[in-house]
Protein backbone atom coordinates (compact mmCIF):
# COMPACT_ATOMS: atom_id res chain seq x y z
CA MET A 1 13.23 20.99 10.92
CA THR A 2 16.22 19.62 12.88
CA THR A 3 16.18 20.26 16.63
CA SER A 4 18.82 19.90 19.31
CA ALA A 5 17.19 16.65 20.45
CA THR A 6 17.18 15.15 16.97
CA PRO A 7 20.24 13.63 15.22
CA ALA A 8 21.46 15.52 12.15
CA GLY A 9 19.59 14.56 9.04
CA GLU A 10 16.57 13.30 10.95
CA ARG A 11 13.26 15.10 11.37
CA PRO A 12 11.35 14.75 14.61
CA ALA A 13 8.36 12.48 14.13
CA GLY A 14 6.25 14.88 16.16
CA ASP A 15 3.30 14.03 18.32
CA ARG A 16 1.45 11.27 16.56
CA PRO A 17 -2.25 12.02 16.86
CA LYS A 18 -4.84 9.37 17.42
CA ARG A 19 -5.78 8.30 13.92
CA GLN A 20 -9.49 8.94 14.01
CA HIS A 21 -10.06 7.28 10.64
CA THR A 22 -9.42 3.90 12.32
CA ALA A 23 -12.63 4.56 14.33
CA GLY A 24 -11.18 2.68 17.26
CA VAL A 25 -10.88 -0.55 15.28
CA ASP A 26 -7.78 -2.61 15.98
CA PRO A 27 -7.86 -5.72 13.77
CA LEU A 28 -5.13 -7.26 15.94
CA GLY A 29 -6.62 -6.20 19.26
CA THR A 30 -7.35 -9.71 20.51
CA LEU A 31 -3.82 -10.85 19.61
CA ARG A 32 -1.78 -8.16 21.31
CA THR A 33 0.40 -9.03 24.34
CA PRO A 34 3.07 -7.17 26.33
CA SER A 35 5.78 -9.10 24.47
CA ASP A 36 4.63 -7.90 21.04
CA PRO A 37 7.16 -6.55 18.52
CA GLU A 38 7.55 -2.79 18.50
CA CYS A 39 5.63 -2.47 15.23
CA ASP A 40 3.12 -4.50 13.28
CA VAL A 41 4.59 -3.83 9.84
CA TYR A 42 8.02 -2.63 8.71
CA LEU A 43 8.48 -0.99 5.32
CA THR A 44 11.33 0.58 3.44
CA GLY A 45 11.68 2.14 0.02
CA PRO A 46 11.53 5.45 -1.84
CA VAL A 47 8.91 8.10 -1.08
CA PHE A 48 7.78 10.22 -4.03
CA LEU A 49 5.70 13.34 -4.26
CA ASP A 50 2.83 12.27 -6.52
CA ILE A 51 1.08 14.85 -8.69
CA ILE A 52 -2.06 13.33 -10.18
CA PHE A 53 -4.12 14.64 -13.09
CA THR A 54 -7.61 13.20 -13.52
CA GLY A 55 -10.60 13.97 -15.67
CA LEU A 56 -8.70 13.41 -18.91
CA ASP A 57 -10.84 12.27 -21.83
CA SER A 58 -7.91 10.50 -23.45
CA ALA A 59 -4.16 10.14 -23.29
CA PRO A 60 -2.18 13.32 -24.00
CA VAL A 61 -1.31 13.74 -27.68
CA ARG A 62 2.18 14.77 -28.73
CA GLY A 63 2.45 18.40 -29.70
CA THR A 64 -0.80 19.46 -28.02
CA GLU A 65 -1.82 20.92 -24.66
CA THR A 66 -4.25 18.88 -22.59
CA TRP A 67 -6.26 20.30 -19.70
CA ALA A 68 -7.28 18.06 -16.82
CA ARG A 69 -10.53 18.59 -14.91
CA GLY A 70 -8.97 17.42 -11.64
CA MET A 71 -5.60 17.48 -9.90
CA GLY A 72 -4.21 16.27 -6.59
CA SER A 73 -0.91 15.94 -4.75
CA SER A 74 0.04 13.36 -2.14
CA PRO A 75 2.98 11.28 -0.88
CA GLY A 76 3.61 8.33 -3.19
CA GLY A 77 5.89 5.35 -3.67
CA VAL A 78 6.16 3.26 -0.51
CA ALA A 79 3.98 5.88 1.22
CA ASN A 80 0.98 4.35 -0.58
CA LEU A 81 1.35 1.09 1.29
CA ALA A 82 2.38 2.67 4.59
CA THR A 83 -0.71 4.89 4.64
CA ALA A 84 -3.06 2.07 3.69
CA LEU A 85 -1.73 -0.07 6.54
CA ALA A 86 -1.91 2.74 9.09
CA ARG A 87 -5.49 3.58 8.11
CA LEU A 88 -6.45 -0.03 8.82
CA GLY A 89 -5.09 0.32 12.35
CA LEU A 90 -1.70 -1.41 12.01
CA ARG A 91 1.32 0.08 13.77
CA THR A 92 3.47 0.91 10.78
CA SER A 93 7.17 1.81 10.73
CA LEU A 94 8.73 3.27 7.58
CA ALA A 95 12.46 3.63 6.86
CA ALA A 96 12.94 6.00 3.93
CA ALA A 97 15.01 8.90 2.69
CA PHE A 98 13.30 12.31 2.45
CA GLY A 99 14.52 15.34 0.56
CA ASP A 100 15.12 18.51 2.55
CA ASP A 101 12.97 20.51 0.14
CA HIS A 102 9.33 21.58 0.57
CA TYR A 103 8.15 18.37 -1.11
CA GLY A 104 10.04 16.26 1.42
CA GLU A 105 8.76 18.33 4.34
CA TYR A 106 5.18 17.95 3.11
CA CYS A 107 5.52 14.17 2.68
CA TRP A 108 7.14 13.76 6.12
CA ASP A 109 4.50 15.80 7.93
CA THR A 110 1.63 14.15 6.08
CA LEU A 111 2.84 10.67 7.01
CA ALA A 112 4.04 11.32 10.57
CA ARG A 113 1.50 13.83 11.85
CA GLY A 114 -1.42 13.12 9.55
CA GLU A 115 -1.27 9.32 9.45
CA GLY A 116 0.61 8.41 12.64
CA ILE A 117 3.31 6.45 10.79
CA ASP A 118 6.55 5.88 12.71
CA LEU A 119 9.37 7.63 10.85
CA SER A 120 12.02 7.22 13.55
CA ARG A 121 14.09 5.12 11.12
CA SER A 122 13.73 7.61 8.27
CA ARG A 123 16.24 10.35 7.46
CA THR A 124 16.36 13.71 5.75
CA VAL A 125 19.13 13.99 3.15
CA PRO A 126 20.65 17.51 2.96
CA GLY A 127 20.77 18.93 -0.55
CA TRP A 128 18.83 16.04 -2.08
CA HIS A 129 15.58 16.79 -3.86
CA SER A 130 12.50 14.61 -3.50
CA PRO A 131 11.63 12.19 -6.29
CA VAL A 132 8.47 13.20 -8.18
CA THR A 133 5.90 11.24 -10.17
CA VAL A 134 3.28 12.80 -12.42
CA SER A 135 0.35 10.44 -12.99
CA MET A 136 -2.34 10.96 -15.64
CA ALA A 137 -5.51 8.93 -15.14
CA TYR A 138 -7.94 8.20 -17.98
CA ASP A 139 -10.18 5.32 -19.08
CA GLY A 140 -9.60 3.50 -15.79
CA GLU A 141 -5.84 3.38 -16.44
CA ARG A 142 -2.90 5.67 -15.77
CA THR A 143 0.30 6.84 -17.41
CA MET A 144 3.17 7.97 -15.20
CA VAL A 145 6.34 10.01 -15.63
CA SER A 146 8.86 9.98 -12.76
CA HIS A 147 12.08 11.77 -11.96
CA GLY A 148 14.50 11.29 -9.09
CA HIS A 149 17.99 10.22 -8.04
CA GLU A 150 19.02 7.59 -5.54
CA ALA A 151 19.66 9.14 -2.15
CA PRO A 152 23.40 9.23 -1.35
CA PRO A 153 24.83 7.67 1.81
CA PRO A 154 25.11 7.95 4.69
CA GLU A 155 21.75 9.67 5.20
CA GLY A 156 20.22 7.78 2.31
CA ALA A 157 21.39 4.41 3.63
CA LEU A 158 18.61 2.19 4.94
CA PRO A 159 18.86 0.21 8.19
CA SER A 160 20.64 -3.09 7.62
CA CYS A 161 18.88 -4.64 10.60
CA PRO A 162 15.10 -4.23 10.59
CA PRO A 163 13.15 -3.84 13.82
CA ARG A 164 11.15 -6.67 15.31
CA ALA A 165 7.84 -6.69 13.47
CA ARG A 166 4.93 -9.00 12.86
CA ALA A 167 5.29 -8.48 9.11
CA ALA A 168 7.33 -6.67 6.49
CA VAL A 169 6.70 -5.90 2.83
CA VAL A 170 9.35 -5.95 0.10
CA SER A 171 9.04 -4.97 -3.54
CA LEU A 172 11.06 -7.51 -5.51
CA ALA A 173 13.13 -6.58 -8.55
CA PRO A 174 15.18 -8.85 -10.86
CA GLY A 175 18.78 -9.22 -9.77
CA ARG A 176 18.34 -7.20 -6.59
CA GLN A 177 18.75 -8.67 -3.12
CA GLU A 178 17.92 -6.77 0.06
CA PRO A 179 19.99 -8.06 3.03
CA TRP A 180 17.35 -6.95 5.54
CA VAL A 181 14.77 -9.39 4.08
CA ALA A 182 16.66 -12.54 5.10
CA GLU A 183 17.35 -11.00 8.52
CA ALA A 184 13.67 -10.16 9.00
CA ALA A 185 12.62 -13.70 8.08
CA ARG A 186 15.26 -15.12 10.43
CA ARG A 187 13.67 -13.13 13.24
CA SER A 188 10.24 -14.65 12.46
CA THR A 189 8.89 -11.60 10.66
CA ARG A 190 6.33 -12.66 8.06
CA VAL A 191 7.50 -11.21 4.74
CA PHE A 192 5.01 -10.24 2.03
CA ALA A 193 6.20 -9.37 -1.47
CA ASP A 194 4.96 -7.71 -4.61
CA VAL A 195 6.88 -7.23 -7.84
CA GLY A 196 7.06 -4.76 -10.70
CA TRP A 197 7.38 -5.13 -14.44
CA ASP A 198 10.57 -6.92 -15.52
CA ASP A 199 12.27 -4.50 -17.92
CA THR A 200 14.89 -7.14 -18.72
CA GLY A 201 12.23 -9.28 -20.37
CA ARG A 202 13.64 -12.48 -18.85
CA TRP A 203 10.90 -13.07 -16.27
CA ASP A 204 13.02 -15.50 -14.30
CA LEU A 205 11.93 -16.40 -10.77
CA ALA A 206 15.53 -17.33 -10.00
CA ALA A 207 16.38 -13.64 -10.41
CA LEU A 208 14.19 -12.90 -7.35
CA PRO A 209 16.37 -14.42 -4.59
CA ASP A 210 14.44 -12.77 -1.75
CA LEU A 211 11.31 -14.70 -2.76
CA ALA A 212 12.76 -17.65 -0.83
CA HIS A 213 12.27 -15.69 2.41
CA CYS A 214 8.69 -14.63 1.69
CA GLU A 215 5.49 -16.08 3.09
CA ALA A 216 3.25 -14.39 0.52
CA PHE A 217 3.72 -13.22 -3.07
CA LEU A 218 1.12 -10.92 -4.66
CA PRO A 219 1.79 -10.23 -8.36
CA ASN A 220 -0.84 -9.16 -10.88
CA ALA A 221 -2.08 -11.57 -13.53
CA GLN A 222 0.33 -10.51 -16.28
CA GLU A 223 3.35 -10.66 -13.98
CA ALA A 224 2.34 -14.03 -12.58
CA MET A 225 1.77 -15.64 -15.99
CA ARG A 226 5.06 -14.35 -17.39
CA TYR A 227 7.06 -15.55 -14.40
CA THR A 228 5.47 -19.02 -14.51
CA ARG A 229 5.23 -19.39 -18.31
CA THR A 230 1.50 -20.14 -18.01
CA ASP A 231 -1.46 -18.76 -19.95
CA CYS A 232 -3.94 -18.67 -17.06
CA PRO A 233 -3.73 -16.57 -13.85
CA ARG A 234 -5.09 -19.45 -11.78
CA ALA A 235 -2.51 -21.85 -13.15
CA ALA A 236 0.12 -19.21 -12.42
CA ALA A 237 -1.00 -18.96 -8.80
CA ARG A 238 -0.79 -22.73 -8.39
CA ALA A 239 2.71 -22.72 -9.86
CA LEU A 240 3.82 -19.90 -7.55
CA ALA A 241 2.47 -21.82 -4.57
CA ASP A 242 5.39 -24.20 -5.08
CA ARG A 243 7.66 -21.28 -4.14
CA VAL A 244 5.74 -19.49 -1.35
CA ARG A 245 3.13 -20.38 1.26
CA LEU A 246 0.58 -17.87 -0.07
CA ALA A 247 0.32 -17.10 -3.77
CA VAL A 248 -2.18 -14.34 -4.58
CA VAL A 249 -2.79 -13.20 -8.15
CA THR A 250 -4.81 -10.05 -8.68
CA LEU A 251 -7.13 -10.10 -11.68
CA GLY A 252 -7.92 -6.40 -12.00
CA PRO A 253 -11.68 -5.69 -12.13
CA GLU A 254 -12.32 -9.45 -12.10
CA GLY A 255 -11.06 -9.84 -8.50
CA ALA A 256 -8.31 -12.10 -7.19
CA TYR A 257 -7.34 -15.76 -6.85
CA ALA A 258 -5.22 -17.26 -4.05
CA VAL A 259 -3.61 -20.55 -3.14
CA ASP A 260 -2.44 -21.53 0.35
CA SER A 261 0.11 -24.28 -0.22
CA GLY A 262 0.27 -25.00 3.50
CA THR A 263 -3.36 -26.07 3.71
CA GLY A 264 -4.10 -26.79 0.06
CA GLU A 265 -6.91 -24.23 0.19
CA THR A 266 -7.81 -22.04 -2.78
CA ALA A 267 -10.10 -19.02 -2.92
CA GLU A 268 -11.42 -16.69 -5.58
CA VAL A 269 -13.38 -13.48 -5.07
CA PRO A 270 -14.85 -11.36 -7.87
CA GLY A 271 -14.16 -7.65 -8.06
CA ILE A 272 -16.54 -4.92 -6.91
CA ASP A 273 -18.03 -2.81 -9.68
CA VAL A 274 -17.09 0.82 -9.05
CA THR A 275 -16.47 3.91 -11.14
CA ALA A 276 -12.71 4.39 -11.00
CA LEU A 277 -11.45 7.96 -10.69
CA ASP A 278 -7.77 7.08 -10.27
CA PRO A 279 -6.27 3.56 -9.97
CA THR A 280 -2.95 4.86 -8.58
CA GLY A 281 -1.94 2.83 -5.52
CA ALA A 282 -4.81 0.33 -5.72
CA GLY A 283 -2.37 -2.58 -5.74
CA ASP A 284 -0.72 -1.30 -2.57
CA VAL A 285 -4.10 -0.96 -0.84
CA PHE A 286 -4.90 -4.54 -1.87
CA VAL A 287 -1.64 -5.76 -0.29
CA ALA A 288 -2.44 -3.81 2.89
CA GLY A 289 -5.90 -5.35 3.14
CA PHE A 290 -4.65 -8.88 2.55
CA LEU A 291 -1.77 -8.48 5.00
CA THR A 292 -4.13 -7.13 7.67
CA GLY A 293 -6.45 -10.12 7.33
CA THR A 294 -3.53 -12.55 7.33
CA LEU A 295 -2.05 -11.16 10.55
CA ALA A 296 -5.52 -11.21 12.11
CA GLY A 297 -5.95 -14.90 11.20
CA TRP A 298 -9.00 -14.51 8.95
CA PRO A 299 -10.02 -17.24 6.52
CA LEU A 300 -8.41 -16.99 3.08
CA HIS A 301 -11.70 -16.11 1.38
CA ASP A 302 -12.36 -13.23 3.79
CA ARG A 303 -8.83 -11.88 3.30
CA LEU A 304 -9.30 -11.76 -0.46
CA ALA A 305 -12.72 -10.14 -0.16
CA PHE A 306 -11.44 -7.50 2.25
CA ALA A 307 -8.38 -6.71 0.12
CA GLY A 308 -10.52 -6.32 -2.98
CA LEU A 309 -13.00 -4.10 -1.13
CA THR A 310 -10.33 -1.73 0.20
CA ALA A 311 -8.74 -1.49 -3.25
CA ALA A 312 -12.12 -0.77 -4.86
CA LEU A 313 -12.85 2.01 -2.39
CA SER A 314 -9.42 3.55 -3.02
CA VAL A 315 -9.85 4.01 -6.80
CA GLN A 316 -12.80 6.31 -6.19
CA GLU A 317 -10.47 8.98 -4.76
CA PHE A 318 -7.49 10.96 -6.06
CA GLY A 319 -3.94 9.78 -5.58
CA GLY A 320 -2.25 6.73 -4.13
CA SER A 321 -1.56 7.11 -0.42
CA LEU A 322 -4.39 9.46 0.53
CA SER A 323 -7.00 7.50 -1.42
CA ALA A 324 -6.75 4.55 1.00
CA PRO A 325 -9.92 3.98 3.04
CA GLY A 326 -10.20 3.85 6.80
CA TRP A 327 -12.67 1.84 8.85
CA VAL A 328 -15.28 4.61 8.71
CA GLU A 329 -15.34 4.42 4.90
CA ILE A 330 -15.50 0.62 5.00
CA ALA A 331 -18.40 0.77 7.46
CA ALA A 332 -20.22 3.32 5.28
CA TRP A 333 -19.86 1.07 2.24
CA TRP A 334 -21.16 -1.96 4.15
CA GLN A 335 -24.17 -0.02 5.44
CA TYR A 336 -24.92 1.20 1.93
CA ALA A 337 -24.52 -2.27 0.39
CA GLN A 338 -26.97 -3.78 2.88
CA SER A 339 -29.53 -1.07 2.15
CA CYS A 340 -29.51 -1.65 -1.62
CA SER A 341 -32.52 -3.69 -2.69
CA THR A 342 -30.70 -4.69 -5.89
CA GLU A 343 -27.68 -6.14 -4.11
CA ASP A 344 -26.99 -9.82 -4.77
CA PRO A 345 -27.61 -11.79 -1.53
CA ALA A 346 -24.58 -13.99 -2.29
CA ALA A 347 -22.41 -10.89 -2.54
CA LEU A 348 -23.70 -9.66 0.82
CA ARG A 349 -22.87 -12.98 2.45
CA ARG A 350 -19.35 -12.67 1.05
CA TYR A 351 -18.78 -9.61 3.25
CA SER A 352 -20.82 -10.63 6.30
CA PHE A 353 -17.59 -11.11 8.27
CA LEU A 354 -17.45 -7.30 8.47
CA ASP A 355 -20.27 -7.28 11.03
CA ALA A 356 -17.93 -8.45 13.77
CA LEU A 357 -15.24 -5.92 12.86
CA LEU A 358 -16.89 -2.63 12.10
CA PRO A 359 -17.45 0.13 14.63
CA ALA A 360 -20.86 1.33 15.73
CA PRO A 361 -22.20 4.12 13.51
CA ALA A 362 -20.52 7.40 14.37
CA ARG A 363 -20.11 10.82 12.86
CA PRO A 364 -17.56 10.45 10.04
CA VAL A 365 -14.18 12.10 10.51
CA PRO A 366 -12.89 13.30 7.12
CA LEU A 367 -9.72 11.63 5.87
CA SER A 368 -6.89 13.62 4.38
CA ARG A 369 -7.18 13.51 0.61
CA ALA A 370 -4.95 14.59 -2.26
CA VAL A 371 -5.11 18.35 -2.79
CA PRO A 372 -4.15 20.48 -5.82
CA THR A 373 -1.12 21.99 -4.06
CA ILE A 374 1.09 21.10 -1.13
CA GLY A 375 0.29 24.17 0.97
CA PHE A 376 -0.70 27.79 1.17
CA ARG A 377 1.07 30.69 2.84
CA ARG A 378 -0.68 31.69 6.04
CA SER A 379 -1.12 35.37 6.80
CA ALA A 380 0.22 36.55 10.14
């Protein structure tokens, strides 16, 4: 994949096609100026190849063979968030290490050519194999098994100085500090953060030093309550608002609750009832939706509603990254919701802000979705 015009260890990003799934919608269109940063959102982190099994009646049982009725493959890890942002029309730049195996080539091409994500800061690591996650979805939940090794330097090293960007997203982990986060905040980049499960069991906010540089923190209910020593997600959000400007706690199927400590505003939006095929990546899609609305300057309530809607649409498809909806899918849902005679009028009013955003009806352009294999041999 390396060409004479491309530094060693780096794949050419290729011609980035117009991402038709955005349907011409630019949520930041009225805000753009010639002095804008080079990208809307900067991301960094590991990219996995995700292999997803769905249609399981129950969790696999030790010592038995279980057949799944569905299977898909797609880029995973930080690719989930990058794809969700790009499909909402944000100019997204990803710095990541890619293996120089077929998995890495597939993930690179899917993100760069298929989704129009800027990979100019990403690198291919010779002799390093791509991390892999196998996800098994059943009963609205998932069980995952992952394998991979940290990419060695220098190709695996991430940029110490991030590009100018409107926003960046960091995944916090206890005891880990990313130097680029403080630098991004110093350069007026708005930093959004999520967090994973604390395997140490300490659940100490002081062990998340980069939180001090973040504008928004978006944990789930269990994470938020453990970190704040509270027994209520709403109380946890209020406690977290003492640390960050925007504290958003996701409540699973029940929706989300948010506190803006700058204005004193709170908002709560219930979840959307959908039949979940695969919840992989739904949290990343929620972050993408909330970040989009925040950069666009929407009211807090609308941001929560939009984030919950995009996450709900994503769980109806296979995989993490390629399950994310574009504006065509959002418009189709809104048209359907308005046509349902049984729809609650209050629920419709909750999403009425979409009228000013959505494109005129057009012939849908199919999105790339997770497929059972990463490619077929083509005959000459």
